[in-house]
Amino acid sequence: MRSKLFVPGSRGELFAKAFAGDADAVSFDLEDSVPGSGKAAARERVAGFLKGLDPGTKMLVVRTNAVDSAHFDEDFRALALPCVDLLNLPKTEDPEALHGVGERLDALEREHGRRMPGLLVNIETPRGLRRAPSLAAAHPRVRGLQLGLGDLFESQGIDRDDHAAVHAVQLAVRMAAGEADVFAWDGAHPDLERPERFLAEARIAQRLGYCGKSCVHPRQVGWAHEVFSLPPMDVELARRIVAAAEEAQAQGRGAFVVDGRMVDLPYLQHARRALVWSAEKANA
């Protein structure tokens, strides 16, 4: 899932176009892009579109309103649907509330005998960042953490072009996701005219092991693919590491040297992931 394109829930004329586009995932947004007076109509519009959809290979995400908002229960009742892959919960701060959402989905799954969505948890407040490890582990339905630098940095007056600050926060969220064995997803960048800003942020995320980046305009989808189509490790190096590991294992050694670098289990696991990535690309 290299790219996830946000579509305002109030813009029904864009739904089919977004679904037919190049993004790996489409996220129908009921939160920031929809004013309070339009929440109910947007919710109904998104639910109607999704219920009539043959999902195919496109991942479907719905960003609800925050769990503690007046709109969440209606969002949940309308859009906790089997065709939705992920419910994206914004401004999440409370692990217990998140656990409660997971339990509600479990109950629906038992009641209807159909798969219900997983949860993509937004980390976009100082408290959410501090609690990111607990949020990632709050319930088995949490599939990933998504970083929201816009909300997080703007609220604190932090310069988003400060790559050291970006790296620090991205690393913290990536480690929280890694501890819980869920994926990390980079958030959207608002700049539509200067791809170098989007790409710089995306490259930091890619090097940290994020799986993709959100997009707020179709033109950003290609930028995301440019970065997140890169392998997690040079594939030829990965092949040499795996081959050397097999030889070392035959000799009873757990650590070995490849290209002048000492290699042990974590490096080997990274190499194997790169080869899985390569095989998936070849079969795509």
Protein backbone atom coordinates (compact mmCIF):
# COMPACT_ATOMS: atom_id res chain seq x y z
CA MET A 1 0.00 0.00 0.00
CA ARG A 2 2.36 2.68 -1.28
CA SER A 3 -0.28 5.38 -1.69
CA LYS A 4 -3.59 6.19 -0.05
CA LEU A 5 -5.68 8.92 -1.66
CA PHE A 6 -8.01 10.96 0.54
CA VAL A 7 -11.41 11.77 -0.96
CA PRO A 8 -13.76 14.20 0.83
CA GLY A 9 -16.94 12.42 1.87
CA SER A 10 -18.89 15.46 0.72
CA ARG A 11 -17.62 15.16 -2.88
CA GLY A 12 -19.57 12.23 -4.27
CA GLU A 13 -18.66 13.17 -7.83
CA LEU A 14 -15.04 12.22 -7.05
CA PHE A 15 -15.68 8.75 -5.57
CA ALA A 16 -15.70 6.63 -8.74
CA LYS A 17 -12.83 8.60 -10.26
CA ALA A 18 -10.68 8.03 -7.18
CA PHE A 19 -11.53 4.35 -7.09
CA ALA A 20 -10.57 4.00 -10.76
CA GLY A 21 -7.27 5.85 -10.29
CA ASP A 22 -3.74 4.67 -9.58
CA ALA A 23 -3.73 4.89 -5.78
CA ASP A 24 -3.27 1.60 -3.97
CA ALA A 25 -5.91 2.62 -1.42
CA VAL A 26 -8.74 5.14 -1.29
CA SER A 27 -9.68 6.80 2.00
CA PHE A 28 -13.15 8.32 2.18
CA ASP A 29 -12.92 11.17 4.66
CA LEU A 30 -15.70 12.14 7.04
CA GLU A 31 -13.56 14.26 9.34
CA ASP A 32 -11.54 17.35 8.38
CA SER A 33 -12.84 17.76 4.84
CA VAL A 34 -16.52 17.73 5.87
CA PRO A 35 -18.10 20.64 7.82
CA GLY A 36 -20.30 19.83 10.79
CA SER A 37 -23.48 20.64 8.92
CA GLY A 38 -22.59 18.17 6.18
CA LYS A 39 -21.56 15.17 8.28
CA ALA A 40 -24.81 13.21 7.99
CA ALA A 41 -25.13 13.69 4.23
CA ALA A 42 -21.48 12.74 3.66
CA ARG A 43 -21.85 9.63 5.82
CA GLU A 44 -24.90 8.52 3.84
CA ARG A 45 -23.19 9.26 0.54
CA VAL A 46 -20.06 7.25 1.38
CA ALA A 47 -22.03 4.30 2.77
CA GLY A 48 -24.21 4.16 -0.32
CA PHE A 49 -21.22 4.19 -2.65
CA LEU A 50 -19.33 1.50 -0.74
CA LYS A 51 -22.30 -0.85 -0.44
CA GLY A 52 -22.65 -0.90 -4.23
CA LEU A 53 -18.96 -1.42 -4.90
CA ASP A 54 -17.01 -4.43 -6.08
CA PRO A 55 -13.76 -3.72 -4.22
CA GLY A 56 -11.40 -5.79 -6.37
CA THR A 57 -7.79 -5.17 -5.45
CA LYS A 58 -8.21 -1.60 -4.17
CA MET A 59 -7.89 -1.17 -0.42
CA LEU A 60 -10.83 0.75 1.05
CA VAL A 61 -10.39 3.00 4.07
CA VAL A 62 -12.87 5.26 5.84
CA ARG A 63 -11.63 8.05 8.07
CA THR A 64 -14.35 8.54 10.65
CA ASN A 65 -14.68 11.41 13.03
CA ALA A 66 -12.79 11.08 16.33
CA VAL A 67 -13.97 8.39 18.73
CA ASP A 68 -14.85 10.98 21.39
CA SER A 69 -16.77 13.20 18.96
CA ALA A 70 -20.55 13.54 18.67
CA HIS A 71 -20.40 12.01 15.18
CA PHE A 72 -18.49 8.78 15.80
CA ASP A 73 -21.32 6.44 16.78
CA GLU A 74 -23.27 7.30 13.63
CA ASP A 75 -20.12 6.91 11.54
CA PHE A 76 -19.50 3.50 13.09
CA ARG A 77 -23.06 2.25 12.57
CA ALA A 78 -23.09 3.33 8.93
CA LEU A 79 -19.56 2.36 7.88
CA ALA A 80 -18.38 -0.64 9.89
CA LEU A 81 -18.96 -2.68 6.74
CA PRO A 82 -17.40 -5.94 5.49
CA CYS A 83 -16.24 -4.19 2.30
CA VAL A 84 -14.16 -1.68 4.31
CA ASP A 85 -10.61 -2.80 4.99
CA LEU A 86 -9.71 -0.18 7.59
CA LEU A 87 -11.52 2.32 9.77
CA ASN A 88 -9.10 5.21 10.22
CA LEU A 89 -9.55 6.82 13.64
CA PRO A 90 -8.27 10.41 13.88
CA LYS A 91 -6.71 12.16 16.87
CA THR A 92 -6.59 8.96 18.89
CA GLU A 93 -5.27 9.34 22.44
CA ASP A 94 -7.07 6.83 24.68
CA PRO A 95 -6.07 3.12 24.47
CA GLU A 96 -9.18 2.09 26.43
CA ALA A 97 -11.53 3.86 24.02
CA LEU A 98 -9.64 2.29 21.11
CA HIS A 99 -10.00 -1.13 22.73
CA GLY A 100 -13.73 -0.49 22.98
CA VAL A 101 -13.98 0.15 19.23
CA GLY A 102 -12.13 -3.11 18.57
CA GLU A 103 -14.52 -5.00 20.83
CA ARG A 104 -17.52 -3.52 19.00
CA LEU A 105 -16.10 -4.74 15.71
CA ASP A 106 -15.47 -8.20 17.17
CA ALA A 107 -19.08 -8.35 18.33
CA LEU A 108 -20.36 -7.38 14.88
CA GLU A 109 -18.17 -10.03 13.28
CA ARG A 110 -19.55 -12.72 15.60
CA GLU A 111 -23.12 -11.52 15.09
CA HIS A 112 -23.03 -11.40 11.29
CA GLY A 113 -20.39 -14.02 10.53
CA ARG A 114 -18.61 -11.66 8.14
CA ARG A 115 -15.21 -10.04 8.29
CA MET A 116 -15.22 -6.57 9.80
CA PRO A 117 -12.63 -3.81 9.28
CA GLY A 118 -9.30 -3.45 10.99
CA LEU A 119 -8.23 -0.18 12.59
CA LEU A 120 -5.73 2.39 11.36
CA VAL A 121 -4.88 4.68 14.27
CA ASN A 122 -3.82 8.28 13.72
CA ILE A 123 -0.98 9.69 15.81
CA GLU A 124 -1.41 13.45 15.47
CA THR A 125 -1.41 15.00 18.94
CA PRO A 126 1.34 15.27 21.57
CA ARG A 127 -0.58 12.94 23.89
CA GLY A 128 -1.20 10.47 21.08
CA LEU A 129 2.51 10.46 20.26
CA ARG A 130 3.42 9.81 23.89
CA ARG A 131 0.90 6.97 24.04
CA ALA A 132 1.67 5.54 20.59
CA PRO A 133 3.05 2.19 21.91
CA SER A 134 -0.07 1.64 24.03
CA LEU A 135 -2.36 2.63 21.16
CA ALA A 136 -0.62 0.26 18.75
CA ALA A 137 -1.15 -2.61 21.20
CA ALA A 138 -4.63 -1.61 22.40
CA HIS A 139 -6.50 -4.29 20.45
CA PRO A 140 -5.67 -7.02 17.89
CA ARG A 141 -7.75 -5.16 15.29
CA VAL A 142 -5.19 -2.36 15.18
CA ARG A 143 -3.38 -2.96 11.90
CA GLY A 144 -1.25 0.15 11.76
CA LEU A 145 -0.33 3.61 13.01
CA GLN A 146 -0.64 6.62 10.72
CA LEU A 147 1.35 9.75 11.47
CA GLY A 148 -0.39 13.11 11.06
CA LEU A 149 2.34 15.73 10.97
CA GLY A 150 0.02 18.53 9.90
CA ASP A 151 -2.06 18.47 13.07
CA LEU A 152 0.88 17.58 15.28
CA PHE A 153 3.37 20.18 14.04
CA GLU A 154 1.03 23.07 13.25
CA SER A 155 -0.52 22.93 16.72
CA GLN A 156 2.96 23.25 18.27
CA GLY A 157 4.45 25.77 15.83
CA ILE A 158 7.04 23.27 14.55
CA ASP A 159 8.58 23.87 11.11
CA ARG A 160 7.67 20.93 8.91
CA ASP A 161 10.71 21.54 6.71
CA ASP A 162 12.93 20.75 9.68
CA HIS A 163 13.89 17.25 8.60
CA ALA A 164 15.45 16.46 11.97
CA ALA A 165 12.09 17.09 13.65
CA VAL A 166 10.27 15.04 11.00
CA HIS A 167 12.75 12.18 11.42
CA ALA A 168 12.44 12.20 15.21
CA VAL A 169 8.66 11.88 15.17
CA GLN A 170 8.57 9.39 12.31
CA LEU A 171 11.10 7.22 14.14
CA ALA A 172 9.09 7.31 17.38
CA VAL A 173 5.91 6.20 15.60
CA ARG A 174 7.79 3.55 13.61
CA MET A 175 9.24 2.05 16.79
CA ALA A 176 5.81 2.03 18.45
CA ALA A 177 4.39 0.22 15.44
CA GLY A 178 7.32 -2.19 15.37
CA GLU A 179 6.90 -3.11 19.03
CA ALA A 180 3.26 -4.07 18.37
CA ASP A 181 4.12 -5.72 15.02
CA VAL A 182 1.80 -3.44 13.02
CA PHE A 183 2.64 -1.28 10.01
CA ALA A 184 3.55 2.40 10.05
CA TRP A 185 1.97 4.74 7.51
CA ASP A 186 3.15 8.26 6.76
CA GLY A 187 0.56 11.01 6.65
CA ALA A 188 -0.37 13.50 3.96
CA HIS A 189 1.67 16.51 2.85
CA PRO A 190 -0.32 19.61 1.83
CA ASP A 191 2.04 20.93 -0.87
CA LEU A 192 0.67 20.25 -4.36
CA GLU A 193 3.09 22.42 -6.34
CA ARG A 194 6.53 21.50 -4.95
CA PRO A 195 7.03 17.75 -5.18
CA GLU A 196 10.47 18.05 -3.60
CA ARG A 197 8.88 18.74 -0.21
CA PHE A 198 6.59 15.71 -0.43
CA LEU A 199 9.43 13.53 -1.71
CA ALA A 200 11.89 14.61 1.00
CA GLU A 201 9.41 13.68 3.74
CA ALA A 202 8.46 10.44 2.01
CA ARG A 203 12.10 9.37 1.61
CA ILE A 204 12.73 9.78 5.33
CA ALA A 205 9.69 7.59 6.01
CA GLN A 206 10.72 4.97 3.45
CA ARG A 207 14.19 4.64 4.98
CA LEU A 208 12.56 4.15 8.39
CA GLY A 209 10.45 1.26 7.14
CA TYR A 210 7.11 2.98 6.56
CA CYS A 211 5.00 1.20 3.95
CA GLY A 212 3.53 4.24 2.20
CA LYS A 213 2.20 7.78 2.34
CA SER A 214 -1.20 9.43 2.20
CA CYS A 215 -2.05 11.78 -0.66
CA VAL A 216 -4.49 14.68 -0.80
CA HIS A 217 -4.46 15.03 -4.59
CA PRO A 218 -4.13 12.49 -7.41
CA ARG A 219 -0.90 14.12 -8.64
CA GLN A 220 0.78 13.08 -5.38
CA VAL A 221 0.07 9.39 -6.01
CA GLY A 222 2.88 9.11 -8.54
CA TRP A 223 5.25 10.85 -6.14
CA ALA A 224 4.42 8.31 -3.44
CA HIS A 225 4.95 5.42 -5.85
CA GLU A 226 8.32 6.84 -6.88
CA VAL A 227 9.54 6.54 -3.28
CA PHE A 228 7.71 3.51 -1.92
CA SER A 229 8.34 1.32 -4.96
CA LEU A 230 11.98 1.15 -3.84
CA PRO A 231 13.03 -2.15 -2.23
CA PRO A 232 13.62 -2.22 1.55
CA MET A 233 17.18 -3.35 0.70
CA ASP A 234 19.17 -3.72 -2.51
CA VAL A 235 17.84 -6.99 -3.88
CA GLU A 236 21.20 -8.28 -5.08
CA LEU A 237 22.70 -7.63 -1.64
CA ALA A 238 19.73 -9.43 -0.08
CA ARG A 239 20.39 -12.46 -2.28
CA ARG A 240 24.05 -12.52 -1.25
CA ILE A 241 23.10 -12.29 2.43
CA VAL A 242 20.59 -15.15 2.21
CA ALA A 243 23.07 -17.33 0.29
CA ALA A 244 25.81 -16.59 2.83
CA ALA A 245 23.40 -17.38 5.67
CA GLU A 246 22.70 -20.81 4.22
CA GLU A 247 26.42 -21.50 3.98
CA ALA A 248 27.03 -20.24 7.52
CA GLN A 249 24.21 -22.36 8.89
CA ALA A 250 25.69 -25.45 7.26
CA GLN A 251 28.93 -24.65 9.09
CA GLY A 252 27.16 -24.05 12.41
CA ARG A 253 27.75 -20.27 12.45
CA GLY A 254 25.08 -17.72 13.35
CA ALA A 255 26.99 -14.60 12.24
CA PHE A 256 28.96 -14.08 9.04
CA VAL A 257 30.43 -11.37 6.79
CA VAL A 258 28.99 -10.10 3.50
CA ASP A 259 30.67 -7.27 1.57
CA GLY A 260 32.79 -6.43 4.60
CA ARG A 261 29.75 -6.12 6.90
CA MET A 262 29.01 -8.38 9.85
CA VAL A 263 25.58 -9.95 9.39
CA ASP A 264 23.41 -11.64 12.00
CA LEU A 265 19.72 -12.49 12.39
CA PRO A 266 18.15 -8.98 12.16
CA TYR A 267 20.05 -8.24 8.91
CA LEU A 268 19.07 -11.65 7.56
CA GLN A 269 15.41 -11.00 8.32
CA HIS A 270 15.66 -7.64 6.52
CA ALA A 271 17.19 -9.39 3.50
CA ARG A 272 14.44 -11.98 3.42
CA ARG A 273 11.80 -9.23 3.49
CA ALA A 274 13.52 -7.61 0.51
CA LEU A 275 13.34 -10.87 -1.44
CA VAL A 276 9.66 -11.30 -0.59
CA TRP A 277 9.12 -7.72 -1.82
CA SER A 278 10.99 -8.55 -5.05
CA ALA A 279 8.90 -11.66 -5.66
CA GLU A 280 5.66 -9.77 -5.06
CA LYS A 281 6.73 -7.05 -7.51
CA ALA A 282 7.58 -9.68 -10.13
CA ASN A 283 4.16 -11.29 -9.76
CA ALA A 284 2.20 -8.04 -9.64
